[in-house]
Protein backbone atom coordinates (compact mmCIF):
# COMPACT_ATOMS: atom_id res chain seq x y z
CA MET A 1 -50.35 -57.42 -44.04
CA ILE A 2 -46.90 -57.17 -42.49
CA LYS A 3 -44.86 -60.36 -42.86
CA ARG A 4 -42.13 -61.60 -40.64
CA ILE A 5 -39.63 -63.08 -43.10
CA PHE A 6 -36.66 -65.31 -42.51
CA ILE A 7 -34.02 -65.08 -45.34
CA ALA A 8 -32.72 -68.41 -46.49
CA GLY A 9 -29.83 -68.99 -48.94
CA PRO A 10 -26.15 -69.67 -49.24
CA LYS A 11 -24.31 -68.05 -46.25
CA SER A 12 -20.77 -69.39 -46.42
CA GLY A 13 -18.56 -69.79 -49.57
CA LYS A 14 -15.46 -71.23 -50.91
CA ASN A 15 -13.51 -68.21 -49.75
CA SER A 16 -14.15 -64.89 -47.91
CA LYS A 17 -15.03 -63.11 -51.16
CA GLU A 18 -17.77 -65.50 -51.93
CA GLN A 19 -19.05 -65.33 -48.40
CA ILE A 20 -19.17 -61.48 -48.56
CA ARG A 21 -21.08 -61.75 -51.94
CA ASN A 22 -23.61 -64.06 -50.31
CA ILE A 23 -24.14 -61.74 -47.31
CA LYS A 24 -24.46 -58.77 -49.69
CA ILE A 25 -27.11 -60.57 -51.82
CA ALA A 26 -29.13 -61.54 -48.67
CA ASN A 27 -29.05 -57.90 -47.41
CA GLU A 28 -30.05 -56.57 -50.86
CA HIS A 29 -33.20 -58.78 -50.86
CA ALA A 30 -33.88 -57.93 -47.21
CA LYS A 31 -33.66 -54.19 -47.90
CA LYS A 32 -36.38 -54.49 -50.65
CA LEU A 33 -38.66 -56.50 -48.28
CA VAL A 34 -38.10 -53.93 -45.48
CA GLU A 35 -39.04 -51.15 -47.93
CA GLU A 36 -42.27 -52.97 -48.64
CA GLY A 37 -43.10 -52.71 -44.86
CA HIS A 38 -42.00 -56.20 -43.67
CA TYR A 39 -39.91 -57.30 -40.83
CA VAL A 40 -36.93 -59.39 -41.97
CA TYR A 41 -34.35 -61.60 -40.19
CA VAL A 42 -31.10 -62.13 -42.10
CA PRO A 43 -29.03 -65.06 -40.53
CA HIS A 44 -26.30 -64.17 -43.04
CA ASN A 45 -25.26 -61.17 -40.79
CA ILE A 46 -24.12 -63.48 -37.95
CA ILE A 47 -22.10 -65.90 -40.10
CA GLY A 48 -18.82 -64.23 -39.16
CA TYR A 49 -19.36 -65.22 -35.60
CA ILE A 50 -19.56 -68.91 -36.36
CA LYS A 51 -16.21 -70.69 -35.76
CA ASN A 52 -15.53 -74.14 -37.08
CA SER A 53 -16.61 -75.90 -33.94
CA GLU A 54 -19.55 -78.25 -34.05
CA SER A 55 -21.05 -76.80 -30.94
CA GLN A 56 -21.26 -73.33 -32.43
CA LYS A 57 -22.60 -74.63 -35.77
CA LYS A 58 -25.22 -76.57 -33.87
CA TYR A 59 -26.13 -73.48 -31.80
CA PHE A 60 -26.78 -71.36 -34.94
CA VAL A 61 -28.76 -74.09 -36.61
CA ASN A 62 -30.99 -74.36 -33.54
CA LEU A 63 -31.22 -70.56 -33.39
CA SER A 64 -32.39 -70.46 -37.02
CA LYS A 65 -34.96 -73.24 -36.32
CA SER A 66 -36.30 -71.36 -33.36
CA ILE A 67 -36.70 -68.11 -35.32
CA ILE A 68 -38.43 -69.93 -38.18
CA LYS A 69 -40.79 -71.74 -35.80
CA ASN A 70 -41.50 -69.08 -33.26
CA TRP A 71 -41.17 -65.86 -35.23
CA ALA A 72 -41.34 -66.16 -39.01
CA THR A 73 -44.60 -66.09 -40.92
CA HIS A 74 -42.72 -66.56 -44.20
CA ILE A 75 -39.40 -67.76 -45.44
CA TYR A 76 -37.77 -66.14 -48.38
CA MET A 77 -35.59 -68.36 -50.62
CA LEU A 78 -32.71 -66.55 -52.26
CA PRO A 79 -31.39 -67.40 -55.69
CA ASN A 80 -29.22 -70.56 -55.57
CA TRP A 81 -30.67 -71.57 -52.31
CA LYS A 82 -30.72 -75.20 -53.53
CA THR A 83 -26.84 -75.22 -53.49
CA SER A 84 -26.84 -74.67 -49.73
CA ALA A 85 -27.48 -77.54 -47.43
CA GLY A 86 -28.44 -75.17 -44.66
CA ALA A 87 -31.07 -73.37 -46.78
CA VAL A 88 -32.44 -76.66 -47.97
CA ALA A 89 -32.75 -77.70 -44.37
CA GLU A 90 -34.43 -74.35 -43.54
CA TYR A 91 -36.74 -74.76 -46.49
CA ASN A 92 -37.81 -78.36 -45.48
CA TYR A 93 -38.31 -77.20 -41.79
CA ALA A 94 -40.55 -74.29 -42.93
CA LYS A 95 -42.50 -76.63 -45.21
CA LYS A 96 -42.97 -79.04 -42.39
CA LEU A 97 -44.31 -76.24 -40.13
CA LYS A 98 -46.56 -74.96 -43.04
CA ILE A 99 -44.89 -71.58 -43.11
CA LYS A 100 -45.46 -69.70 -46.35
CA ILE A 101 -42.51 -69.92 -48.75
CA LEU A 102 -41.54 -66.94 -50.89
CA ARG A 103 -39.12 -66.85 -53.80
CA GLU A 104 -37.57 -64.05 -55.85
């Protein structure tokens, strides 16, 4: 069965090096899932477009919620996801919607 998987985990970081590392980790996991034949959405790849305005942050939070609700059949929790307030919110939202949760 092909899964539609939303990747959840730390996106930003203390500095640009940490942010790039988080994006790389997300894409490495996504690549493995794609190689298994699944569809994957990696929100980390749009993080560079988010400015520090509340309206843009709210837009991307709502976009992620919409993708989880209307597209994802599964959510994949990256290592250290509990350190990210956004990933914890995505986890709780997916759980509320009874979307299957995958872990490494």
